[in-house]
Amino acid sequence: MAQRTTADETLPREELAAYFQDLAREFEGEDEEVIVPVGNKNVSLSPPHNIDVSVEVVERSSMLRGNRETVEIELSWKP
C-alpha cells in the first residue's frame, strides 16, 4: 500500500530557495536517511546513491488569463 503525504503552500522566493538548500543538504549528508519536510510533517526516506530525476517546465500564454509557468521536479528510486 502506498502512503502519500502532500502539502501545498505559497512561499516567497527566499523561503523557497532556503527549502531547496535544506533539502540539498539532506541529500549531501552522510546519513543513509533523508528527512523531507512536507507541510507540518517530516518524512524519512532512504534513497540510494543514484536517483532518477525528471524535470518538466510548462509555459502557457493566454490572452484572457495571462501567462502561467510551472516547474515540476520529480525524484524517484527503489530503496
Protein backbone atom coordinates (compact mmCIF):
# COMPACT_ATOMS: atom_id res chain seq x y z
CA MET A 1 0.00 0.00 0.00
CA ALA A 2 1.32 3.47 -0.89
CA GLN A 3 1.38 6.28 1.62
CA ARG A 4 1.12 9.78 0.22
CA THR A 5 1.93 12.97 2.10
CA THR A 6 1.27 16.25 0.31
CA ALA A 7 1.25 19.93 1.13
CA ASP A 8 0.54 22.98 -0.99
CA GLU A 9 1.64 26.43 0.07
CA THR A 10 2.80 29.76 -1.31
CA LEU A 11 6.30 30.86 -0.33
CA PRO A 12 8.37 33.95 -1.05
CA ARG A 13 11.31 33.18 -3.35
CA GLU A 14 13.80 33.47 -0.46
CA GLU A 15 11.95 30.85 1.61
CA LEU A 16 11.62 28.55 -1.40
CA ALA A 17 15.37 28.82 -2.02
CA ALA A 18 16.03 28.03 1.66
CA TYR A 19 13.74 24.96 1.42
CA PHE A 20 15.67 23.65 -1.60
CA GLN A 21 19.01 24.37 0.12
CA ASP A 22 17.91 22.44 3.22
CA LEU A 23 16.74 19.56 1.04
CA ALA A 24 20.04 19.58 -0.86
CA ARG A 25 21.96 19.40 2.45
CA GLU A 26 19.88 16.35 3.42
CA PHE A 27 20.87 14.58 0.19
CA GLU A 28 24.54 15.64 0.58
CA GLY A 29 24.73 14.34 4.14
CA GLU A 30 26.49 11.17 5.23
CA ASP A 31 23.34 9.63 6.73
CA GLU A 32 21.54 6.88 4.83
CA GLU A 33 18.29 8.61 5.76
CA VAL A 34 16.95 11.81 4.19
CA ILE A 35 14.36 13.87 6.06
CA VAL A 36 11.93 15.72 3.78
CA PRO A 37 9.68 18.37 5.36
CA VAL A 38 6.17 18.23 3.87
CA GLY A 39 3.86 20.83 5.39
CA ASN A 40 3.87 20.31 9.17
CA LYS A 41 5.29 16.76 8.90
CA ASN A 42 8.78 15.33 8.32
CA VAL A 43 9.02 12.24 6.11
CA SER A 44 12.03 9.94 6.48
CA LEU A 45 13.28 8.37 3.23
CA SER A 46 16.16 6.04 2.29
CA PRO A 47 17.46 7.00 -1.17
CA PRO A 48 20.28 5.02 -2.81
CA HIS A 49 23.43 6.62 -4.27
CA ASN A 50 21.85 7.10 -7.73
CA ILE A 51 18.45 8.78 -8.07
CA ASP A 52 16.25 9.21 -11.16
CA VAL A 53 15.45 12.88 -11.83
CA SER A 54 12.73 14.26 -14.10
CA VAL A 55 12.23 17.99 -14.74
CA GLU A 56 9.26 19.37 -16.66
CA VAL A 57 8.67 23.04 -17.49
CA VAL A 58 5.39 24.27 -18.97
CA GLU A 59 4.94 27.81 -20.26
CA ARG A 60 1.41 28.86 -21.15
CA SER A 61 0.31 32.08 -22.74
CA SER A 62 -3.35 33.07 -22.81
CA MET A 63 -4.81 36.37 -23.88
CA LEU A 64 -7.71 36.00 -21.44
CA ARG A 65 -5.98 34.52 -18.39
CA GLY A 66 -2.46 35.85 -18.76
CA ASN A 67 0.80 33.91 -18.70
CA ARG A 68 1.39 30.94 -16.41
CA GLU A 69 4.56 28.94 -15.85
CA THR A 70 5.08 25.72 -13.90
CA VAL A 71 8.11 23.64 -12.98
CA GLU A 72 7.78 20.07 -11.74
CA ILE A 73 10.77 18.24 -10.27
CA GLU A 74 10.38 14.55 -9.53
CA LEU A 75 12.94 12.38 -7.77
CA SER A 76 12.37 8.62 -7.73
CA TRP A 77 14.19 5.48 -6.63
CA LYS A 78 13.78 2.00 -5.27
CA PRO A 79 15.26 1.76 -1.74
